[in-house]
Amino acid sequence: MARSEQRPVVTLRSTAGTGHSYVTRKNRRNNPDRLTLLKYDPVARAHVLFREER
């Protein structure tokens, strides 16, 4: 079974400039824009914004 293009794998990169990233999936129909989540950055030791990379 092929992976759906409706829920692609996306990389979330830290905006703090530490280089830390998370990998997740998103639904393109509900979120067509770039995904932005507030997540924990262990390098910065704080919660920072993570933005979707393309």
PDB file of N, CA and C in Angstrom:
ATOM      1  N   MET A   1       0.831  -1.173   0.000  1.00  0.00           N
ATOM      2  CA  MET A   1       0.000   0.000   0.000  1.00  0.00           C
ATOM      3  C   MET A   1       0.881   1.245   0.000  1.00  0.00           C
ATOM      4  N   ALA A   2       0.610   2.167  -0.881  1.00  0.00           N
ATOM      5  CA  ALA A   2       1.407   3.383  -0.992  1.00  0.00           C
ATOM      6  C   ALA A   2       0.978   4.393   0.066  1.00  0.00           C
ATOM      7  N   ARG A   3       1.932   5.187   0.486  1.00  0.00           N
ATOM      8  CA  ARG A   3       1.627   6.258   1.431  1.00  0.00           C
ATOM      9  C   ARG A   3       0.789   7.322   0.742  1.00  0.00           C
ATOM     10  N   SER A   4      -0.136   7.876   1.469  1.00  0.00           N
ATOM     11  CA  SER A   4      -1.038   8.868   0.911  1.00  0.00           C
ATOM     12  C   SER A   4      -0.348  10.225   0.794  1.00  0.00           C
ATOM     13  N   GLU A   5      -0.600  10.898  -0.305  1.00  0.00           N
ATOM     14  CA  GLU A   5      -0.096  12.264  -0.474  1.00  0.00           C
ATOM     15  C   GLU A   5      -0.971  13.247   0.288  1.00  0.00           C
ATOM     16  N   GLN A   6      -2.096  12.768   0.810  1.00  0.00           N
ATOM     17  CA  GLN A   6      -2.977  13.618   1.606  1.00  0.00           C
ATOM     18  C   GLN A   6      -2.354  13.921   2.965  1.00  0.00           C
ATOM     19  N   ARG A   7      -1.543  12.998   3.497  1.00  0.00           N
ATOM     20  CA  ARG A   7      -0.893  13.179   4.793  1.00  0.00           C
ATOM     21  C   ARG A   7       0.613  12.983   4.631  1.00  0.00           C
ATOM     22  N   PRO A   8       1.316  13.957   4.050  1.00  0.00           N
ATOM     23  CA  PRO A   8       2.753  13.795   3.825  1.00  0.00           C
ATOM     24  C   PRO A   8       3.556  13.972   5.110  1.00  0.00           C
ATOM     25  N   VAL A   9       4.763  13.420   5.103  1.00  0.00           N
ATOM     26  CA  VAL A   9       5.690  13.602   6.219  1.00  0.00           C
ATOM     27  C   VAL A   9       6.313  14.977   6.073  1.00  0.00           C
ATOM     28  N   VAL A  10       6.304  15.776   7.155  1.00  0.00           N
ATOM     29  CA  VAL A  10       6.898  17.114   7.134  1.00  0.00           C
ATOM     30  C   VAL A  10       7.926  17.223   8.252  1.00  0.00           C
ATOM     31  N   THR A  11       8.923  18.065   8.033  1.00  0.00           N
ATOM     32  CA  THR A  11       9.957  18.328   9.026  1.00  0.00           C
ATOM     33  C   THR A  11       9.691  19.683   9.647  1.00  0.00           C
ATOM     34  N   LEU A  12       9.697  19.732  10.983  1.00  0.00           N
ATOM     35  CA  LEU A  12       9.521  20.989  11.703  1.00  0.00           C
ATOM     36  C   LEU A  12      10.877  21.413  12.251  1.00  0.00           C
ATOM     37  N   ARG A  13      11.368  22.602  11.862  1.00  0.00           N
ATOM     38  CA  ARG A  13      12.683  23.093  12.273  1.00  0.00           C
ATOM     39  C   ARG A  13      12.506  24.223  13.285  1.00  0.00           C
ATOM     40  N   SER A  14      13.356  24.258  14.298  1.00  0.00           N
ATOM     41  CA  SER A  14      13.289  25.258  15.357  1.00  0.00           C
ATOM     42  C   SER A  14      13.603  26.648  14.823  1.00  0.00           C
ATOM     43  N   THR A  15      12.843  27.645  15.300  1.00  0.00           N
ATOM     44  CA  THR A  15      13.103  29.028  14.912  1.00  0.00           C
ATOM     45  C   THR A  15      14.145  29.670  15.823  1.00  0.00           C
ATOM     46  N   ALA A  16      14.593  28.943  16.856  1.00  0.00           N
ATOM     47  CA  ALA A  16      15.605  29.487  17.769  1.00  0.00           C
ATOM     48  C   ALA A  16      17.001  29.389  17.170  1.00  0.00           C
ATOM     49  N   GLY A  17      17.134  28.732  16.029  1.00  0.00           N
ATOM     50  CA  GLY A  17      18.430  28.641  15.375  1.00  0.00           C
ATOM     51  C   GLY A  17      19.343  27.572  15.941  1.00  0.00           C
ATOM     52  N   THR A  18      18.781  26.602  16.669  1.00  0.00           N
ATOM     53  CA  THR A  18      19.584  25.550  17.272  1.00  0.00           C
ATOM     54  C   THR A  18      19.789  24.367  16.333  1.00  0.00           C
ATOM     55  N   GLY A  19      18.974  24.268  15.291  1.00  0.00           N
ATOM     56  CA  GLY A  19      19.089  23.163  14.357  1.00  0.00           C
ATOM     57  C   GLY A  19      18.287  21.944  14.750  1.00  0.00           C
ATOM     58  N   HIS A  20      17.581  21.993  15.873  1.00  0.00           N
ATOM     59  CA  HIS A  20      16.769  20.859  16.310  1.00  0.00           C
ATOM     60  C   HIS A  20      15.518  20.767  15.440  1.00  0.00           C
ATOM     61  N   SER A  21      15.070  19.535  15.159  1.00  0.00           N
ATOM     62  CA  SER A  21      13.892  19.357  14.319  1.00  0.00           C
ATOM     63  C   SER A  21      13.063  18.183  14.800  1.00  0.00           C
ATOM     64  N   TYR A  22      11.787  18.227  14.446  1.00  0.00           N
ATOM     65  CA  TYR A  22      10.837  17.147  14.691  1.00  0.00           C
ATOM     66  C   TYR A  22      10.298  16.688  13.340  1.00  0.00           C
ATOM     67  N   VAL A  23       9.848  15.431  13.264  1.00  0.00           N
ATOM     68  CA  VAL A  23       9.220  14.904  12.058  1.00  0.00           C
ATOM     69  C   VAL A  23       7.802  14.494  12.426  1.00  0.00           C
ATOM     70  N   THR A  24       6.840  14.904  11.606  1.00  0.00           N
ATOM     71  CA  THR A  24       5.441  14.590  11.862  1.00  0.00           C
ATOM     72  C   THR A  24       4.701  14.480  10.532  1.00  0.00           C
ATOM     73  N   ARG A  25       3.405  14.230  10.592  1.00  0.00           N
ATOM     74  CA  ARG A  25       2.560  14.194   9.404  1.00  0.00           C
ATOM     75  C   ARG A  25       1.497  15.275   9.536  1.00  0.00           C
ATOM     76  N   LYS A  26       1.002  15.740   8.395  1.00  0.00           N
ATOM     77  CA  LYS A  26      -0.078  16.718   8.436  1.00  0.00           C
ATOM     78  C   LYS A  26      -1.078  16.421   7.331  1.00  0.00           C
ATOM     79  N   ASN A  27      -2.284  16.887   7.518  1.00  0.00           N
ATOM     80  CA  ASN A  27      -3.336  16.734   6.539  1.00  0.00           C
ATOM     81  C   ASN A  27      -3.337  17.975   5.645  1.00  0.00           C
ATOM     82  N   ARG A  28      -3.031  17.774   4.358  1.00  0.00           N
ATOM     83  CA  ARG A  28      -2.954  18.906   3.437  1.00  0.00           C
ATOM     84  C   ARG A  28      -4.305  19.565   3.190  1.00  0.00           C
ATOM     85  N   ARG A  29      -5.368  18.807   3.294  1.00  0.00           N
ATOM     86  CA  ARG A  29      -6.695  19.385   3.050  1.00  0.00           C
ATOM     87  C   ARG A  29      -7.079  20.357   4.171  1.00  0.00           C
ATOM     88  N   ASN A  30      -6.768  20.026   5.421  1.00  0.00           N
ATOM     89  CA  ASN A  30      -7.118  20.898   6.546  1.00  0.00           C
ATOM     90  C   ASN A  30      -6.089  21.990   6.770  1.00  0.00           C
ATOM     91  N   ASN A  31      -4.805  21.723   6.445  1.00  0.00           N
ATOM     92  CA  ASN A  31      -3.723  22.682   6.685  1.00  0.00           C
ATOM     93  C   ASN A  31      -2.894  22.868   5.416  1.00  0.00           C
ATOM     94  N   PRO A  32      -3.381  23.637   4.453  1.00  0.00           N
ATOM     95  CA  PRO A  32      -2.613  23.808   3.219  1.00  0.00           C
ATOM     96  C   PRO A  32      -1.391  24.706   3.398  1.00  0.00           C
ATOM     97  N   ASP A  33      -1.418  25.590   4.398  1.00  0.00           N
ATOM     98  CA  ASP A  33      -0.290  26.490   4.651  1.00  0.00           C
ATOM     99  C   ASP A  33       0.796  25.765   5.440  1.00  0.00           C
ATOM    100  N   ARG A  34       1.913  26.442   5.629  1.00  0.00           N
ATOM    101  CA  ARG A  34       3.000  25.853   6.410  1.00  0.00           C
ATOM    102  C   ARG A  34       2.576  25.715   7.868  1.00  0.00           C
ATOM    103  N   LEU A  35       2.909  24.594   8.443  1.00  0.00           N
ATOM    104  CA  LEU A  35       2.538  24.271   9.807  1.00  0.00           C
ATOM    105  C   LEU A  35       3.467  24.982  10.787  1.00  0.00           C
ATOM    106  N   THR A  36       2.925  25.549  11.864  1.00  0.00           N
ATOM    107  CA  THR A  36       3.704  26.196  12.916  1.00  0.00           C
ATOM    108  C   THR A  36       3.197  25.681  14.252  1.00  0.00           C
ATOM    109  N   LEU A  37       4.097  25.076  15.037  1.00  0.00           N
ATOM    110  CA  LEU A  37       3.724  24.525  16.336  1.00  0.00           C
ATOM    111  C   LEU A  37       4.684  25.005  17.414  1.00  0.00           C
ATOM    112  N   LEU A  38       4.173  25.186  18.628  1.00  0.00           N
ATOM    113  CA  LEU A  38       4.998  25.520  19.778  1.00  0.00           C
ATOM    114  C   LEU A  38       5.411  24.217  20.439  1.00  0.00           C
ATOM    115  N   LYS A  39       6.710  23.892  20.351  1.00  0.00           N
ATOM    116  CA  LYS A  39       7.210  22.629  20.890  1.00  0.00           C
ATOM    117  C   LYS A  39       8.468  22.887  21.698  1.00  0.00           C
ATOM    118  N   TYR A  40       8.913  21.877  22.430  1.00  0.00           N
ATOM    119  CA  TYR A  40      10.084  22.005  23.288  1.00  0.00           C
ATOM    120  C   TYR A  40      11.367  21.803  22.484  1.00  0.00           C
ATOM    121  N   ASP A  41      12.311  22.718  22.641  1.00  0.00           N
ATOM    122  CA  ASP A  41      13.628  22.616  22.023  1.00  0.00           C
ATOM    123  C   ASP A  41      14.625  22.266  23.124  1.00  0.00           C
ATOM    124  N   PRO A  42      15.146  21.028  23.148  1.00  0.00           N
ATOM    125  CA  PRO A  42      16.051  20.628  24.228  1.00  0.00           C
ATOM    126  C   PRO A  42      17.387  21.349  24.194  1.00  0.00           C
ATOM    127  N   VAL A  43      17.795  21.858  23.040  1.00  0.00           N
ATOM    128  CA  VAL A  43      19.056  22.591  22.959  1.00  0.00           C
ATOM    129  C   VAL A  43      18.902  23.962  23.614  1.00  0.00           C
ATOM    130  N   ALA A  44      17.789  24.645  23.320  1.00  0.00           N
ATOM    131  CA  ALA A  44      17.519  25.962  23.906  1.00  0.00           C
ATOM    132  C   ALA A  44      16.917  25.841  25.302  1.00  0.00           C
ATOM    133  N   ARG A  45      16.455  24.642  25.659  1.00  0.00           N
ATOM    134  CA  ARG A  45      15.792  24.361  26.939  1.00  0.00           C
ATOM    135  C   ARG A  45      14.599  25.281  27.180  1.00  0.00           C
ATOM    136  N   ALA A  46      13.781  25.425  26.137  1.00  0.00           N
ATOM    137  CA  ALA A  46      12.583  26.253  26.227  1.00  0.00           C
ATOM    138  C   ALA A  46      11.608  25.826  25.135  1.00  0.00           C
ATOM    139  N   HIS A  47      10.366  26.268  25.271  1.00  0.00           N
ATOM    140  CA  HIS A  47       9.381  26.045  24.227  1.00  0.00           C
ATOM    141  C   HIS A  47       9.524  27.169  23.206  1.00  0.00           C
ATOM    142  N   VAL A  48       9.707  26.801  21.952  1.00  0.00           N
ATOM    143  CA  VAL A  48       9.858  27.778  20.868  1.00  0.00           C
ATOM    144  C   VAL A  48       8.992  27.355  19.692  1.00  0.00           C
ATOM    145  N   LEU A  49       8.817  28.264  18.739  1.00  0.00           N
ATOM    146  CA  LEU A  49       8.055  27.945  17.542  1.00  0.00           C
ATOM    147  C   LEU A  49       8.867  27.064  16.622  1.00  0.00           C
ATOM    148  N   PHE A  50       8.209  26.060  16.065  1.00  0.00           N
ATOM    149  CA  PHE A  50       8.812  25.179  15.061  1.00  0.00           C
ATOM    150  C   PHE A  50       7.999  25.368  13.793  1.00  0.00           C
ATOM    151  N   ARG A  51       8.678  25.663  12.671  1.00  0.00           N
ATOM    152  CA  ARG A  51       8.004  25.879  11.399  1.00  0.00           C
ATOM    153  C   ARG A  51       8.294  24.756  10.424  1.00  0.00           C
ATOM    154  N   GLU A  52       7.340  24.504   9.573  1.00  0.00           N
ATOM    155  CA  GLU A  52       7.483  23.450   8.565  1.00  0.00           C
ATOM    156  C   GLU A  52       8.533  23.832   7.536  1.00  0.00           C
ATOM    157  N   GLU A  53       9.395  22.854   7.212  1.00  0.00           N
ATOM    158  CA  GLU A  53      10.393  23.018   6.157  1.00  0.00           C
ATOM    159  C   GLU A  53       9.893  22.338   4.910  1.00  0.00           C
ATOM    160  N   ARG A  54      10.302  22.828   3.764  1.00  0.00           N
ATOM    161  CA  ARG A  54       9.906  22.169   2.513  1.00  0.00           C
ATOM    162  C   ARG A  54      11.120  21.745   1.761  1.00  0.00           C
TER     163      ARG A  54
END
